[in-house]
Amino acid sequence: MNGSFGIFDTIVIVGVIQGIVAAIAVKFYPSNAPAKRLLSAILLTLALLSFKILLHTLDVWKYPGFRYFPLAIDTLIQPLFYLYTCSLTEKDFSLKRSQFRHFIPFILFQIHAMVVYAIGLIQPDIHAEDYIAENYLQYNAVKWTEDLFALFSAGIYWYLSFRKTQMYRK
């Protein structure tokens, strides 16, 4: 660690803990509504995104076990918010198999992250890990693509959610 643990880190840690506790509380609240499961997933995803920030602000990512920790969840929050909006605005909403297509980008990016992480763990040092991740597994190029995809999909899913909300109000 870099030795400087500031107020920002404290706030993020409290947010991570709060997100996890809230996700558990929502999950175990007595109801079978799909909105409840989606809200729990949103809270857990937000907590994991905050944990991802901590890996960098606390310089934990410099240690071999955390170097390429597989948290490729930047593309997960957008479809979760959209499906949550659908669950609140549609009368008999239920999660269907066909809706899981929204999660294909997340699954692909997460698989890549897990492969990079697994291969990185068996490397003798960080330099070898970085070399293989970048030159053979195109880690930074894939992360850049993930970030770009997350940005564009956010606009699309926010628009769809806004439209769904407007239709519900009418």
N, C-alpha and C. Protein backbone atom coordinates (compact mmCIF):
# COMPACT_ATOMS: atom_id res chain seq x y z
N MET A 1 0.83 -1.18 0.00
CA MET A 1 0.00 0.00 0.00
C MET A 1 0.87 1.24 0.00
N ASN A 2 0.30 2.34 -0.41
CA ASN A 2 1.09 3.55 -0.54
C ASN A 2 1.28 4.29 0.79
N GLY A 3 0.67 3.82 1.85
CA GLY A 3 0.88 4.43 3.16
C GLY A 3 -0.01 5.62 3.45
N SER A 4 -0.72 6.11 2.46
CA SER A 4 -1.62 7.24 2.72
C SER A 4 -3.06 6.78 2.58
N PHE A 5 -3.68 6.67 3.71
CA PHE A 5 -5.07 6.24 3.79
C PHE A 5 -5.88 7.47 4.15
N GLY A 6 -6.59 8.02 3.18
CA GLY A 6 -7.26 9.29 3.39
C GLY A 6 -8.75 9.18 3.61
N ILE A 7 -9.38 10.33 3.70
CA ILE A 7 -10.82 10.41 3.91
C ILE A 7 -11.57 9.80 2.73
N PHE A 8 -11.04 9.99 1.51
CA PHE A 8 -11.68 9.41 0.33
C PHE A 8 -11.76 7.89 0.45
N ASP A 9 -10.65 7.27 0.84
CA ASP A 9 -10.61 5.82 0.99
C ASP A 9 -11.60 5.35 2.06
N THR A 10 -11.68 6.11 3.14
CA THR A 10 -12.62 5.78 4.21
C THR A 10 -14.06 5.83 3.72
N ILE A 11 -14.38 6.86 2.97
CA ILE A 11 -15.73 7.01 2.44
C ILE A 11 -16.06 5.87 1.47
N VAL A 12 -15.10 5.52 0.63
CA VAL A 12 -15.33 4.43 -0.33
C VAL A 12 -15.51 3.10 0.40
N ILE A 13 -14.69 2.85 1.42
CA ILE A 13 -14.83 1.60 2.19
C ILE A 13 -16.19 1.53 2.88
N VAL A 14 -16.61 2.64 3.46
CA VAL A 14 -17.93 2.68 4.11
C VAL A 14 -19.01 2.43 3.06
N GLY A 15 -18.84 2.99 1.87
CA GLY A 15 -19.80 2.77 0.78
C GLY A 15 -19.85 1.32 0.35
N VAL A 16 -18.69 0.69 0.27
CA VAL A 16 -18.64 -0.73 -0.11
C VAL A 16 -19.37 -1.57 0.94
N ILE A 17 -19.08 -1.34 2.19
CA ILE A 17 -19.73 -2.10 3.27
C ILE A 17 -21.23 -1.84 3.27
N GLN A 18 -21.61 -0.58 3.13
CA GLN A 18 -23.02 -0.22 3.10
C GLN A 18 -23.73 -0.88 1.91
N GLY A 19 -23.09 -0.90 0.76
CA GLY A 19 -23.68 -1.53 -0.42
C GLY A 19 -23.89 -3.02 -0.24
N ILE A 20 -22.90 -3.69 0.35
CA ILE A 20 -23.01 -5.13 0.57
C ILE A 20 -24.11 -5.44 1.58
N VAL A 21 -24.14 -4.68 2.68
CA VAL A 21 -25.17 -4.89 3.71
C VAL A 21 -26.56 -4.62 3.13
N ALA A 22 -26.70 -3.54 2.36
CA ALA A 22 -27.99 -3.22 1.76
C ALA A 22 -28.42 -4.29 0.76
N ALA A 23 -27.47 -4.80 -0.03
CA ALA A 23 -27.79 -5.85 -1.00
C ALA A 23 -28.29 -7.11 -0.28
N ILE A 24 -27.65 -7.45 0.82
CA ILE A 24 -28.08 -8.62 1.61
C ILE A 24 -29.45 -8.37 2.22
N ALA A 25 -29.67 -7.17 2.76
CA ALA A 25 -30.96 -6.84 3.37
C ALA A 25 -32.08 -6.90 2.34
N VAL A 26 -31.84 -6.35 1.17
CA VAL A 26 -32.86 -6.38 0.11
C VAL A 26 -33.11 -7.81 -0.34
N LYS A 27 -32.05 -8.57 -0.47
CA LYS A 27 -32.17 -9.96 -0.93
C LYS A 27 -33.04 -10.79 0.00
N PHE A 28 -32.88 -10.59 1.30
CA PHE A 28 -33.61 -11.40 2.26
C PHE A 28 -34.92 -10.77 2.74
N TYR A 29 -35.30 -9.64 2.15
CA TYR A 29 -36.58 -9.05 2.47
C TYR A 29 -37.67 -9.97 1.91
N PRO A 30 -38.71 -10.25 2.73
CA PRO A 30 -39.71 -11.23 2.29
C PRO A 30 -40.57 -10.72 1.12
N SER A 31 -40.15 -11.07 -0.07
CA SER A 31 -40.89 -10.73 -1.28
C SER A 31 -40.27 -11.51 -2.42
N ASN A 32 -41.09 -11.86 -3.39
CA ASN A 32 -40.58 -12.59 -4.55
C ASN A 32 -40.53 -11.72 -5.79
N ALA A 33 -40.65 -10.43 -5.62
CA ALA A 33 -40.67 -9.51 -6.75
C ALA A 33 -39.32 -9.52 -7.48
N PRO A 34 -39.35 -9.54 -8.81
CA PRO A 34 -38.09 -9.48 -9.57
C PRO A 34 -37.33 -8.18 -9.30
N ALA A 35 -38.07 -7.12 -9.01
CA ALA A 35 -37.42 -5.83 -8.73
C ALA A 35 -36.48 -5.95 -7.53
N LYS A 36 -36.85 -6.75 -6.57
CA LYS A 36 -36.02 -6.94 -5.38
C LYS A 36 -34.68 -7.58 -5.74
N ARG A 37 -34.71 -8.59 -6.57
CA ARG A 37 -33.46 -9.26 -6.98
C ARG A 37 -32.59 -8.32 -7.80
N LEU A 38 -33.22 -7.56 -8.68
CA LEU A 38 -32.46 -6.63 -9.51
C LEU A 38 -31.86 -5.50 -8.67
N LEU A 39 -32.61 -4.99 -7.72
CA LEU A 39 -32.08 -3.95 -6.84
C LEU A 39 -30.90 -4.47 -6.03
N SER A 40 -31.02 -5.68 -5.55
CA SER A 40 -29.92 -6.30 -4.80
C SER A 40 -28.68 -6.44 -5.68
N ALA A 41 -28.87 -6.84 -6.93
CA ALA A 41 -27.75 -6.96 -7.87
C ALA A 41 -27.13 -5.60 -8.17
N ILE A 42 -27.95 -4.57 -8.30
CA ILE A 42 -27.44 -3.22 -8.53
C ILE A 42 -26.59 -2.75 -7.36
N LEU A 43 -27.08 -2.95 -6.16
CA LEU A 43 -26.33 -2.53 -4.97
C LEU A 43 -25.00 -3.28 -4.85
N LEU A 44 -25.02 -4.55 -5.13
CA LEU A 44 -23.79 -5.34 -5.07
C LEU A 44 -22.81 -4.90 -6.16
N THR A 45 -23.31 -4.62 -7.35
CA THR A 45 -22.46 -4.15 -8.45
C THR A 45 -21.82 -2.81 -8.11
N LEU A 46 -22.60 -1.90 -7.54
CA LEU A 46 -22.05 -0.60 -7.14
C LEU A 46 -20.98 -0.76 -6.07
N ALA A 47 -21.20 -1.70 -5.14
CA ALA A 47 -20.19 -1.96 -4.11
C ALA A 47 -18.90 -2.50 -4.74
N LEU A 48 -19.04 -3.40 -5.70
CA LEU A 48 -17.86 -3.95 -6.39
C LEU A 48 -17.14 -2.89 -7.22
N LEU A 49 -17.89 -1.99 -7.85
CA LEU A 49 -17.26 -0.90 -8.59
C LEU A 49 -16.47 0.00 -7.64
N SER A 50 -16.99 0.22 -6.45
CA SER A 50 -16.26 1.01 -5.45
C SER A 50 -15.02 0.27 -4.97
N PHE A 51 -15.13 -1.05 -4.80
CA PHE A 51 -13.97 -1.86 -4.41
C PHE A 51 -12.89 -1.76 -5.47
N LYS A 52 -13.31 -1.74 -6.74
CA LYS A 52 -12.36 -1.61 -7.85
C LYS A 52 -11.58 -0.30 -7.73
N ILE A 53 -12.26 0.76 -7.32
CA ILE A 53 -11.59 2.05 -7.11
C ILE A 53 -10.55 1.93 -6.00
N LEU A 54 -10.91 1.21 -4.93
CA LEU A 54 -9.97 1.04 -3.81
C LEU A 54 -8.70 0.31 -4.21
N LEU A 55 -8.82 -0.64 -5.11
CA LEU A 55 -7.63 -1.37 -5.56
C LEU A 55 -6.58 -0.39 -6.10
N HIS A 56 -7.04 0.68 -6.72
CA HIS A 56 -6.11 1.64 -7.31
C HIS A 56 -5.71 2.74 -6.32
N THR A 57 -6.66 3.28 -5.57
CA THR A 57 -6.32 4.38 -4.67
C THR A 57 -5.43 3.93 -3.52
N LEU A 58 -5.55 2.68 -3.13
CA LEU A 58 -4.70 2.15 -2.05
C LEU A 58 -3.46 1.43 -2.60
N ASP A 59 -3.28 1.44 -3.91
CA ASP A 59 -2.16 0.79 -4.59
C ASP A 59 -2.07 -0.71 -4.33
N VAL A 60 -3.19 -1.32 -4.02
CA VAL A 60 -3.22 -2.77 -3.79
C VAL A 60 -2.97 -3.51 -5.10
N TRP A 61 -3.31 -2.90 -6.23
CA TRP A 61 -3.15 -3.54 -7.53
C TRP A 61 -1.69 -3.82 -7.86
N LYS A 62 -0.77 -3.23 -7.12
CA LYS A 62 0.66 -3.46 -7.36
C LYS A 62 1.14 -4.82 -6.86
N TYR A 63 0.31 -5.49 -6.06
CA TYR A 63 0.67 -6.80 -5.53
C TYR A 63 0.19 -7.90 -6.49
N PRO A 64 1.01 -8.93 -6.68
CA PRO A 64 0.70 -9.95 -7.69
C PRO A 64 -0.72 -10.54 -7.60
N GLY A 65 -1.23 -10.82 -6.44
CA GLY A 65 -2.55 -11.42 -6.31
C GLY A 65 -3.70 -10.49 -6.68
N PHE A 66 -3.41 -9.20 -6.73
CA PHE A 66 -4.45 -8.22 -7.06
C PHE A 66 -4.17 -7.47 -8.36
N ARG A 67 -3.08 -7.78 -9.02
CA ARG A 67 -2.64 -7.04 -10.20
C ARG A 67 -3.72 -6.95 -11.28
N TYR A 68 -4.28 -8.05 -11.63
CA TYR A 68 -5.33 -8.09 -12.66
C TYR A 68 -6.60 -8.71 -12.09
N PHE A 69 -6.95 -8.29 -10.88
CA PHE A 69 -8.12 -8.84 -10.20
C PHE A 69 -9.34 -8.72 -11.12
N PRO A 70 -10.06 -9.82 -11.35
CA PRO A 70 -11.11 -9.84 -12.37
C PRO A 70 -12.41 -9.14 -11.96
N LEU A 71 -12.44 -7.84 -12.15
CA LEU A 71 -13.65 -7.06 -11.88
C LEU A 71 -14.06 -6.31 -13.14
N ALA A 72 -14.38 -7.03 -14.18
CA ALA A 72 -14.80 -6.41 -15.43
C ALA A 72 -16.31 -6.19 -15.40
N ILE A 73 -16.75 -5.35 -14.47
CA ILE A 73 -18.18 -5.17 -14.24
C ILE A 73 -18.70 -3.82 -14.72
N ASP A 74 -17.88 -3.11 -15.47
CA ASP A 74 -18.29 -1.78 -15.93
C ASP A 74 -19.49 -1.84 -16.87
N THR A 75 -19.71 -2.95 -17.53
CA THR A 75 -20.84 -3.08 -18.45
C THR A 75 -22.04 -3.80 -17.82
N LEU A 76 -21.99 -4.04 -16.55
CA LEU A 76 -23.07 -4.76 -15.87
C LEU A 76 -24.16 -3.84 -15.35
N ILE A 77 -23.79 -2.67 -14.89
CA ILE A 77 -24.75 -1.79 -14.22
C ILE A 77 -25.83 -1.28 -15.16
N GLN A 78 -25.49 -1.01 -16.42
CA GLN A 78 -26.44 -0.44 -17.36
C GLN A 78 -27.65 -1.35 -17.61
N PRO A 79 -27.45 -2.62 -17.98
CA PRO A 79 -28.64 -3.46 -18.18
C PRO A 79 -29.39 -3.73 -16.88
N LEU A 80 -28.68 -3.76 -15.76
CA LEU A 80 -29.37 -3.95 -14.48
C LEU A 80 -30.33 -2.80 -14.20
N PHE A 81 -29.87 -1.56 -14.41
CA PHE A 81 -30.75 -0.41 -14.21
C PHE A 81 -31.94 -0.45 -15.16
N TYR A 82 -31.68 -0.80 -16.41
CA TYR A 82 -32.77 -0.87 -17.38
C TYR A 82 -33.80 -1.93 -16.97
N LEU A 83 -33.34 -3.12 -16.64
CA LEU A 83 -34.27 -4.18 -16.25
C LEU A 83 -34.99 -3.84 -14.95
N TYR A 84 -34.32 -3.12 -14.06
CA TYR A 84 -34.97 -2.67 -12.83
C TYR A 84 -36.09 -1.68 -13.16
N THR A 85 -35.81 -0.78 -14.10
CA THR A 85 -36.85 0.16 -14.55
C THR A 85 -38.02 -0.60 -15.15
N CYS A 86 -37.72 -1.60 -15.97
CA CYS A 86 -38.78 -2.43 -16.55
C CYS A 86 -39.59 -3.12 -15.47
N SER A 87 -38.91 -3.61 -14.44
CA SER A 87 -39.61 -4.33 -13.37
C SER A 87 -40.55 -3.41 -12.58
N LEU A 88 -40.24 -2.13 -12.55
CA LEU A 88 -41.08 -1.18 -11.83
C LEU A 88 -42.21 -0.62 -12.69
N THR A 89 -42.04 -0.66 -14.00
CA THR A 89 -43.02 -0.02 -14.89
C THR A 89 -43.92 -1.02 -15.62
N GLU A 90 -43.57 -2.28 -15.64
CA GLU A 90 -44.40 -3.28 -16.31
C GLU A 90 -45.19 -4.06 -15.27
N LYS A 91 -46.47 -4.28 -15.56
CA LYS A 91 -47.36 -4.89 -14.58
C LYS A 91 -46.92 -6.30 -14.16
N ASP A 92 -46.74 -7.18 -15.09
CA ASP A 92 -46.39 -8.57 -14.75
C ASP A 92 -44.97 -8.89 -15.21
N PHE A 93 -44.04 -8.07 -14.82
CA PHE A 93 -42.65 -8.26 -15.24
C PHE A 93 -42.07 -9.50 -14.58
N SER A 94 -41.33 -10.25 -15.36
CA SER A 94 -40.54 -11.36 -14.82
C SER A 94 -39.29 -11.48 -15.66
N LEU A 95 -38.23 -11.92 -15.05
CA LEU A 95 -36.99 -12.12 -15.78
C LEU A 95 -37.13 -13.33 -16.69
N LYS A 96 -36.90 -13.10 -17.95
CA LYS A 96 -37.02 -14.17 -18.93
C LYS A 96 -35.64 -14.51 -19.48
N ARG A 97 -35.55 -15.68 -20.02
CA ARG A 97 -34.29 -16.14 -20.62
C ARG A 97 -33.78 -15.18 -21.68
N SER A 98 -34.68 -14.64 -22.47
CA SER A 98 -34.29 -13.75 -23.57
C SER A 98 -33.65 -12.45 -23.05
N GLN A 99 -33.94 -12.06 -21.83
CA GLN A 99 -33.37 -10.83 -21.29
C GLN A 99 -31.91 -10.98 -20.88
N PHE A 100 -31.44 -12.18 -20.79
CA PHE A 100 -30.06 -12.40 -20.40
C PHE A 100 -29.08 -12.01 -21.52
N ARG A 101 -29.61 -11.75 -22.70
CA ARG A 101 -28.76 -11.26 -23.81
C ARG A 101 -28.15 -9.91 -23.45
N HIS A 102 -28.82 -9.17 -22.57
CA HIS A 102 -28.29 -7.88 -22.14
C HIS A 102 -26.95 -8.04 -21.40
N PHE A 103 -26.70 -9.22 -20.87
CA PHE A 103 -25.51 -9.45 -20.06
C PHE A 103 -24.36 -10.11 -20.83
N ILE A 104 -24.54 -10.34 -22.12
CA ILE A 104 -23.49 -10.97 -22.93
C ILE A 104 -22.19 -10.16 -22.93
N PRO A 105 -22.23 -8.84 -23.12
CA PRO A 105 -20.97 -8.09 -23.07
C PRO A 105 -20.26 -8.23 -21.71
N PHE A 106 -21.02 -8.15 -20.63
CA PHE A 106 -20.42 -8.33 -19.30
C PHE A 106 -19.76 -9.70 -19.19
N ILE A 107 -20.45 -10.73 -19.63
CA ILE A 107 -19.91 -12.09 -19.53
C ILE A 107 -18.61 -12.22 -20.33
N LEU A 108 -18.60 -11.68 -21.54
CA LEU A 108 -17.39 -11.77 -22.38
C LEU A 108 -16.21 -11.02 -21.75
N PHE A 109 -16.46 -9.79 -21.28
CA PHE A 109 -15.38 -9.02 -20.66
C PHE A 109 -14.92 -9.68 -19.35
N GLN A 110 -15.85 -10.26 -18.60
CA GLN A 110 -15.49 -10.92 -17.34
C GLN A 110 -14.68 -12.18 -17.60
N ILE A 111 -15.03 -12.94 -18.62
CA ILE A 111 -14.24 -14.13 -18.97
C ILE A 111 -12.82 -13.73 -19.34
N HIS A 112 -12.68 -12.69 -20.13
CA HIS A 112 -11.35 -12.22 -20.49
C HIS A 112 -10.56 -11.82 -19.24
N ALA A 113 -11.21 -11.09 -18.34
CA ALA A 113 -10.55 -10.66 -17.10
C ALA A 113 -10.13 -11.85 -16.25
N MET A 114 -10.96 -12.89 -16.20
CA MET A 114 -10.63 -14.07 -15.41
C MET A 114 -9.46 -14.84 -16.03
N VAL A 115 -9.41 -14.89 -17.35
CA VAL A 115 -8.29 -15.56 -18.03
C VAL A 115 -6.99 -14.82 -17.75
N VAL A 116 -7.03 -13.49 -17.89
CA VAL A 116 -5.83 -12.68 -17.61
C VAL A 116 -5.38 -12.88 -16.16
N TYR A 117 -6.34 -12.88 -15.24
CA TYR A 117 -6.02 -13.04 -13.82
C TYR A 117 -5.40 -14.42 -13.56
N ALA A 118 -6.04 -15.45 -14.09
CA ALA A 118 -5.55 -16.82 -13.85
C ALA A 118 -4.15 -17.02 -14.43
N ILE A 119 -3.93 -16.54 -15.63
CA ILE A 119 -2.60 -16.68 -16.24
C ILE A 119 -1.58 -15.83 -15.49
N GLY A 120 -2.00 -14.66 -15.04
CA GLY A 120 -1.11 -13.79 -14.28
C GLY A 120 -0.68 -14.39 -12.96
N LEU A 121 -1.56 -15.14 -12.32
CA LEU A 121 -1.23 -15.74 -11.03
C LEU A 121 -0.10 -16.75 -11.11
N ILE A 122 0.06 -17.39 -12.26
CA ILE A 122 1.10 -18.42 -12.36
C ILE A 122 2.43 -17.86 -12.87
N GLN A 123 2.50 -16.56 -13.07
CA GLN A 123 3.74 -15.95 -13.55
C GLN A 123 4.69 -15.72 -12.37
N PRO A 124 5.99 -15.77 -12.63
CA PRO A 124 6.98 -15.65 -11.55
C PRO A 124 7.07 -14.23 -10.95
N ASP A 125 6.78 -13.21 -11.74
CA ASP A 125 6.86 -11.84 -11.20
C ASP A 125 5.90 -10.92 -11.96
N ILE A 126 5.79 -9.71 -11.47
CA ILE A 126 4.86 -8.73 -12.06
C ILE A 126 5.25 -8.36 -13.49
N HIS A 127 6.52 -8.29 -13.77
CA HIS A 127 6.95 -7.92 -15.12
C HIS A 127 6.52 -8.96 -16.15
N ALA A 128 6.65 -10.23 -15.82
CA ALA A 128 6.20 -11.29 -16.71
C ALA A 128 4.68 -11.25 -16.85
N GLU A 129 4.02 -10.99 -15.74
CA GLU A 129 2.56 -10.88 -15.73
C GLU A 129 2.08 -9.76 -16.67
N ASP A 130 2.72 -8.59 -16.54
CA ASP A 130 2.38 -7.45 -17.41
C ASP A 130 2.67 -7.75 -18.87
N TYR A 131 3.79 -8.37 -19.13
CA TYR A 131 4.19 -8.67 -20.51
C TYR A 131 3.16 -9.59 -21.18
N ILE A 132 2.79 -10.65 -20.49
CA ILE A 132 1.83 -11.60 -21.05
C ILE A 132 0.45 -10.96 -21.18
N ALA A 133 0.03 -10.22 -20.16
CA ALA A 133 -1.28 -9.58 -20.19
C ALA A 133 -1.41 -8.62 -21.36
N GLU A 134 -0.37 -7.86 -21.61
CA GLU A 134 -0.45 -6.86 -22.67
C GLU A 134 -0.14 -7.45 -24.05
N ASN A 135 0.92 -8.20 -24.18
CA ASN A 135 1.36 -8.66 -25.50
C ASN A 135 0.61 -9.88 -26.03
N TYR A 136 0.12 -10.72 -25.14
CA TYR A 136 -0.57 -11.92 -25.60
C TYR A 136 -2.08 -11.85 -25.40
N LEU A 137 -2.51 -11.18 -24.34
CA LEU A 137 -3.93 -11.14 -24.02
C LEU A 137 -4.58 -9.78 -24.27
N GLN A 138 -3.79 -8.83 -24.77
CA GLN A 138 -4.29 -7.51 -25.15
C GLN A 138 -5.12 -6.85 -24.03
N TYR A 139 -4.63 -6.94 -22.81
CA TYR A 139 -5.39 -6.47 -21.65
C TYR A 139 -5.84 -5.02 -21.78
N ASN A 140 -4.93 -4.10 -22.06
CA ASN A 140 -5.29 -2.69 -22.11
C ASN A 140 -6.23 -2.38 -23.28
N ALA A 141 -6.05 -3.02 -24.39
CA ALA A 141 -6.95 -2.82 -25.53
C ALA A 141 -8.37 -3.29 -25.20
N VAL A 142 -8.46 -4.44 -24.52
CA VAL A 142 -9.78 -4.96 -24.14
C VAL A 142 -10.41 -4.05 -23.09
N LYS A 143 -9.61 -3.57 -22.13
CA LYS A 143 -10.15 -2.66 -21.10
C LYS A 143 -10.63 -1.35 -21.73
N TRP A 144 -9.90 -0.85 -22.72
CA TRP A 144 -10.30 0.37 -23.40
C TRP A 144 -11.63 0.12 -24.13
N THR A 145 -11.76 -1.01 -24.78
CA THR A 145 -12.99 -1.37 -25.47
C THR A 145 -14.14 -1.50 -24.48
N GLU A 146 -13.86 -2.10 -23.33
CA GLU A 146 -14.87 -2.24 -22.28
C GLU A 146 -15.34 -0.87 -21.80
N ASP A 147 -14.41 0.03 -21.56
CA ASP A 147 -14.77 1.38 -21.11
C ASP A 147 -15.61 2.11 -22.15
N LEU A 148 -15.21 2.00 -23.40
CA LEU A 148 -15.94 2.64 -24.48
C LEU A 148 -17.34 2.04 -24.62
N PHE A 149 -17.42 0.72 -24.56
CA PHE A 149 -18.71 0.04 -24.63
C PHE A 149 -19.60 0.45 -23.46
N ALA A 150 -19.02 0.54 -22.27
CA ALA A 150 -19.79 0.94 -21.09
C ALA A 150 -20.36 2.34 -21.26
N LEU A 151 -19.57 3.23 -21.82
CA LEU A 151 -20.02 4.60 -22.03
C LEU A 151 -21.18 4.66 -23.03
N PHE A 152 -21.03 4.00 -24.17
CA PHE A 152 -22.09 4.01 -25.17
C PHE A 152 -23.34 3.27 -24.70
N SER A 153 -23.14 2.15 -24.04
CA SER A 153 -24.31 1.40 -23.57
C SER A 153 -25.04 2.16 -22.47
N ALA A 154 -24.31 2.95 -21.68
CA ALA A 154 -24.96 3.76 -20.65
C ALA A 154 -25.95 4.73 -21.30
N GLY A 155 -25.51 5.39 -22.36
CA GLY A 155 -26.41 6.31 -23.07
C GLY A 155 -27.63 5.60 -23.63
N ILE A 156 -27.41 4.44 -24.21
CA ILE A 156 -28.52 3.68 -24.80
C ILE A 156 -29.48 3.20 -23.72
N TYR A 157 -28.95 2.60 -22.66
CA TYR A 157 -29.82 2.07 -21.61
C TYR A 157 -30.51 3.19 -20.83
N TRP A 158 -29.85 4.31 -20.63
CA TRP A 158 -30.50 5.43 -19.95
C TRP A 158 -31.64 5.97 -20.81
N TYR A 159 -31.43 6.04 -22.12
CA TYR A 159 -32.49 6.49 -23.02
C TYR A 159 -33.66 5.51 -22.97
N LEU A 160 -33.38 4.21 -23.07
CA LEU A 160 -34.45 3.22 -23.01
C LEU A 160 -35.20 3.27 -21.69
N SER A 161 -34.48 3.48 -20.60
CA SER A 161 -35.12 3.58 -19.28
C SER A 161 -35.98 4.84 -19.20
N PHE A 162 -35.47 5.95 -19.72
CA PHE A 162 -36.23 7.20 -19.72
C PHE A 162 -37.50 7.03 -20.53
N ARG A 163 -37.38 6.42 -21.71
CA ARG A 163 -38.54 6.19 -22.56
C ARG A 163 -39.57 5.28 -21.88
N LYS A 164 -39.07 4.24 -21.21
CA LYS A 164 -39.94 3.32 -20.50
C LYS A 164 -40.69 4.04 -19.38
N THR A 165 -39.98 4.93 -18.67
CA THR A 165 -40.59 5.71 -17.58
C THR A 165 -41.64 6.68 -18.13
N GLN A 166 -41.33 7.33 -19.25
CA GLN A 166 -42.27 8.27 -19.87
C GLN A 166 -43.55 7.54 -20.31
N MET A 167 -43.40 6.37 -20.90
CA MET A 167 -44.56 5.58 -21.33
C MET A 167 -45.39 5.15 -20.12
N TYR A 168 -44.73 4.82 -19.03
CA TYR A 168 -45.43 4.42 -17.81
C TYR A 168 -46.24 5.58 -17.24
N ARG A 169 -45.68 6.78 -17.27
CA ARG A 169 -46.39 7.94 -16.75
C ARG A 169 -47.66 8.26 -17.54
N LYS A 170 -47.60 7.99 -18.85
CA LYS A 170 -48.78 8.26 -19.69
C LYS A 170 -49.84 7.20 -19.42
